[in-house]
Amino acid sequence: MDDAYINVHRARGLYALGQHQQAAEDFRTAIVDLPAGYHRDKGVYLAQESLAHVGAREPEDAAQVGLHALQVAESTASARIMTELAGLDTQLERWPKIPAVAEFRQAFDALVPRQAQDP
């Protein structure tokens, strides 16, 4: 677990420094290192990886990873993941014609009203 957290902190630092592609790779490594029971953490890191892909101007990768994070958000009802994905949704507006982006944005829009209704 320590390796995963170290990689996440490194990835966040790289993201802040504008080294988005390396940040995405480090988030991916952290996700692989997570123990099986850390489902919610995995969703947060997937969402952050997707934002790093946007920063690296990789909208298709961002959308695909974002869809995985969205599945975790739905299964865990995690507001934290949804907050990260709201930022992704906004940033992906620049690439409406990419099929993966359209798929993510449609799935995100469909989930938001359902999550708002859940007690």
C-alpha atoms as a PDB file:
ATOM      1  CA  MET A   1       0.000   0.000   0.000  1.00  0.00           C
ATOM      2  CA  ASP A   2       2.867   2.370   0.730  1.00  0.00           C
ATOM      3  CA  ASP A   3       4.089   2.170  -2.874  1.00  0.00           C
ATOM      4  CA  ALA A   4       0.662   3.157  -4.148  1.00  0.00           C
ATOM      5  CA  TYR A   5       0.474   6.209  -1.891  1.00  0.00           C
ATOM      6  CA  ILE A   6       4.005   7.272  -2.778  1.00  0.00           C
ATOM      7  CA  ASN A   7       3.171   7.028  -6.477  1.00  0.00           C
ATOM      8  CA  VAL A   8      -0.048   8.997  -5.991  1.00  0.00           C
ATOM      9  CA  HIS A   9       1.758  11.829  -4.220  1.00  0.00           C
ATOM     10  CA  ARG A  10       4.443  11.837  -6.894  1.00  0.00           C
ATOM     11  CA  ALA A  11       1.758  11.888  -9.601  1.00  0.00           C
ATOM     12  CA  ARG A  12      -0.036  14.798  -7.945  1.00  0.00           C
ATOM     13  CA  GLY A  13       3.230  16.729  -7.779  1.00  0.00           C
ATOM     14  CA  LEU A  14       3.999  16.039 -11.425  1.00  0.00           C
ATOM     15  CA  TYR A  15       0.487  17.109 -12.368  1.00  0.00           C
ATOM     16  CA  ALA A  16       0.930  20.383 -10.472  1.00  0.00           C
ATOM     17  CA  LEU A  17       4.216  20.941 -12.312  1.00  0.00           C
ATOM     18  CA  GLY A  18       2.519  20.445 -15.680  1.00  0.00           C
ATOM     19  CA  GLN A  19       4.144  17.080 -16.365  1.00  0.00           C
ATOM     20  CA  HIS A  20       0.813  15.513 -17.206  1.00  0.00           C
ATOM     21  CA  GLN A  21       1.894  12.497 -19.212  1.00  0.00           C
ATOM     22  CA  GLN A  22       4.263  11.309 -16.479  1.00  0.00           C
ATOM     23  CA  ALA A  23       1.587  12.053 -13.881  1.00  0.00           C
ATOM     24  CA  ALA A  24      -0.879   9.826 -15.768  1.00  0.00           C
ATOM     25  CA  GLU A  25       1.691   7.031 -15.841  1.00  0.00           C
ATOM     26  CA  ASP A  26       2.335   7.367 -12.109  1.00  0.00           C
ATOM     27  CA  PHE A  27      -1.387   7.306 -11.333  1.00  0.00           C
ATOM     28  CA  ARG A  28      -1.641   4.122 -13.421  1.00  0.00           C
ATOM     29  CA  THR A  29       1.236   2.558 -11.463  1.00  0.00           C
ATOM     30  CA  ALA A  30      -0.405   3.524  -8.162  1.00  0.00           C
ATOM     31  CA  ILE A  31      -3.691   1.974  -9.259  1.00  0.00           C
ATOM     32  CA  VAL A  32      -1.977  -1.291 -10.120  1.00  0.00           C
ATOM     33  CA  ASP A  33      -0.262  -1.303  -6.689  1.00  0.00           C
ATOM     34  CA  LEU A  34      -3.498  -0.816  -4.717  1.00  0.00           C
ATOM     35  CA  PRO A  35      -4.762  -3.761  -2.676  1.00  0.00           C
ATOM     36  CA  ALA A  36      -7.999  -5.287  -4.001  1.00  0.00           C
ATOM     37  CA  GLY A  37     -10.214  -3.825  -1.257  1.00  0.00           C
ATOM     38  CA  TYR A  38      -9.394  -0.175  -1.965  1.00  0.00           C
ATOM     39  CA  HIS A  39     -12.193   0.328  -4.469  1.00  0.00           C
ATOM     40  CA  ARG A  40     -13.012   3.947  -3.617  1.00  0.00           C
ATOM     41  CA  ASP A  41      -9.335   4.986  -3.646  1.00  0.00           C
ATOM     42  CA  LYS A  42      -9.003   3.308  -7.036  1.00  0.00           C
ATOM     43  CA  GLY A  43     -11.894   5.408  -8.328  1.00  0.00           C
ATOM     44  CA  VAL A  44     -10.318   8.632  -7.078  1.00  0.00           C
ATOM     45  CA  TYR A  45      -6.977   7.765  -8.668  1.00  0.00           C
ATOM     46  CA  LEU A  46      -8.666   6.794 -11.933  1.00  0.00           C
ATOM     47  CA  ALA A  47     -10.401  10.176 -11.976  1.00  0.00           C
ATOM     48  CA  GLN A  48      -7.112  11.940 -11.295  1.00  0.00           C
ATOM     49  CA  GLU A  49      -5.371   9.888 -13.983  1.00  0.00           C
ATOM     50  CA  SER A  50      -8.079  10.940 -16.426  1.00  0.00           C
ATOM     51  CA  LEU A  51      -7.443  14.605 -15.608  1.00  0.00           C
ATOM     52  CA  ALA A  52      -3.726  14.070 -16.194  1.00  0.00           C
ATOM     53  CA  HIS A  53      -4.558  12.638 -19.625  1.00  0.00           C
ATOM     54  CA  VAL A  54      -6.527  15.797 -20.416  1.00  0.00           C
ATOM     55  CA  GLY A  55      -3.531  17.878 -19.399  1.00  0.00           C
ATOM     56  CA  ALA A  56      -1.397  15.782 -21.743  1.00  0.00           C
ATOM     57  CA  ARG A  57      -3.949  16.464 -24.503  1.00  0.00           C
ATOM     58  CA  GLU A  58      -5.025  12.808 -24.645  1.00  0.00           C
ATOM     59  CA  PRO A  59      -8.812  13.224 -24.591  1.00  0.00           C
ATOM     60  CA  GLU A  60      -9.625   9.684 -25.708  1.00  0.00           C
ATOM     61  CA  ASP A  61      -7.510   8.163 -22.926  1.00  0.00           C
ATOM     62  CA  ALA A  62      -9.003  10.652 -20.468  1.00  0.00           C
ATOM     63  CA  ALA A  63     -12.533   9.669 -21.424  1.00  0.00           C
ATOM     64  CA  GLN A  64     -11.842   5.936 -21.284  1.00  0.00           C
ATOM     65  CA  VAL A  65     -10.200   6.127 -17.855  1.00  0.00           C
ATOM     66  CA  GLY A  66     -12.948   8.504 -16.754  1.00  0.00           C
ATOM     67  CA  LEU A  67     -15.572   5.900 -17.649  1.00  0.00           C
ATOM     68  CA  HIS A  68     -13.873   3.406 -15.344  1.00  0.00           C
ATOM     69  CA  ALA A  69     -13.834   5.997 -12.565  1.00  0.00           C
ATOM     70  CA  LEU A  70     -17.496   6.712 -13.223  1.00  0.00           C
ATOM     71  CA  GLN A  71     -18.331   3.034 -12.702  1.00  0.00           C
ATOM     72  CA  VAL A  72     -16.577   3.123  -9.336  1.00  0.00           C
ATOM     73  CA  ALA A  73     -18.357   6.365  -8.420  1.00  0.00           C
ATOM     74  CA  GLU A  74     -21.685   4.773  -9.210  1.00  0.00           C
ATOM     75  CA  SER A  75     -20.996   1.620  -7.202  1.00  0.00           C
ATOM     76  CA  THR A  76     -19.632   3.503  -4.176  1.00  0.00           C
ATOM     77  CA  ALA A  77     -21.782   6.663  -4.355  1.00  0.00           C
ATOM     78  CA  SER A  78     -18.557   8.620  -3.879  1.00  0.00           C
ATOM     79  CA  ALA A  79     -19.000  12.384  -3.986  1.00  0.00           C
ATOM     80  CA  ARG A  80     -15.220  12.791  -4.079  1.00  0.00           C
ATOM     81  CA  ILE A  81     -14.918  10.811  -7.305  1.00  0.00           C
ATOM     82  CA  MET A  82     -17.864  12.679  -8.808  1.00  0.00           C
ATOM     83  CA  THR A  83     -16.237  16.005  -7.958  1.00  0.00           C
ATOM     84  CA  GLU A  84     -13.077  14.977  -9.821  1.00  0.00           C
ATOM     85  CA  LEU A  85     -15.168  13.743 -12.753  1.00  0.00           C
ATOM     86  CA  ALA A  86     -17.144  16.984 -12.909  1.00  0.00           C
ATOM     87  CA  GLY A  87     -13.853  18.720 -13.656  1.00  0.00           C
ATOM     88  CA  LEU A  88     -13.095  16.124 -16.316  1.00  0.00           C
ATOM     89  CA  ASP A  89     -16.515  16.604 -17.881  1.00  0.00           C
ATOM     90  CA  THR A  90     -15.918  20.341 -18.148  1.00  0.00           C
ATOM     91  CA  GLN A  91     -12.446  19.917 -19.631  1.00  0.00           C
ATOM     92  CA  LEU A  92     -13.618  17.370 -22.200  1.00  0.00           C
ATOM     93  CA  GLU A  93     -16.083  19.895 -23.662  1.00  0.00           C
ATOM     94  CA  ARG A  94     -13.262  20.885 -26.064  1.00  0.00           C
ATOM     95  CA  TRP A  95     -13.442  17.544 -27.898  1.00  0.00           C
ATOM     96  CA  PRO A  96     -17.147  16.841 -28.531  1.00  0.00           C
ATOM     97  CA  LYS A  97     -16.581  14.868 -31.749  1.00  0.00           C
ATOM     98  CA  ILE A  98     -14.386  12.169 -30.207  1.00  0.00           C
ATOM     99  CA  PRO A  99     -16.631   9.129 -29.630  1.00  0.00           C
ATOM    100  CA  ALA A 100     -15.060   8.159 -26.280  1.00  0.00           C
ATOM    101  CA  VAL A 101     -15.522  11.735 -25.041  1.00  0.00           C
ATOM    102  CA  ALA A 102     -19.162  11.779 -26.110  1.00  0.00           C
ATOM    103  CA  GLU A 103     -19.689   8.422 -24.385  1.00  0.00           C
ATOM    104  CA  PHE A 104     -18.135   9.644 -21.127  1.00  0.00           C
ATOM    105  CA  ARG A 105     -20.083  12.890 -21.131  1.00  0.00           C
ATOM    106  CA  GLN A 106     -23.363  11.112 -21.807  1.00  0.00           C
ATOM    107  CA  ALA A 107     -22.705   8.577 -19.034  1.00  0.00           C
ATOM    108  CA  PHE A 108     -21.685  11.346 -16.622  1.00  0.00           C
ATOM    109  CA  ASP A 109     -24.807  13.385 -17.405  1.00  0.00           C
ATOM    110  CA  ALA A 110     -26.983  10.298 -16.868  1.00  0.00           C
ATOM    111  CA  LEU A 111     -25.411   9.497 -13.495  1.00  0.00           C
ATOM    112  CA  VAL A 112     -25.473  12.974 -11.961  1.00  0.00           C
ATOM    113  CA  PRO A 113     -29.274  13.169 -11.516  1.00  0.00           C
ATOM    114  CA  ARG A 114     -29.392   9.628 -10.086  1.00  0.00           C
ATOM    115  CA  GLN A 115     -26.656  10.372  -7.535  1.00  0.00           C
ATOM    116  CA  ALA A 116     -28.424  13.574  -6.491  1.00  0.00           C
ATOM    117  CA  GLN A 117     -31.585  11.572  -5.754  1.00  0.00           C
ATOM    118  CA  ASP A 118     -29.891   8.855  -3.662  1.00  0.00           C
ATOM    119  CA  PRO A 119     -30.316   9.359   0.095  1.00  0.00           C
END
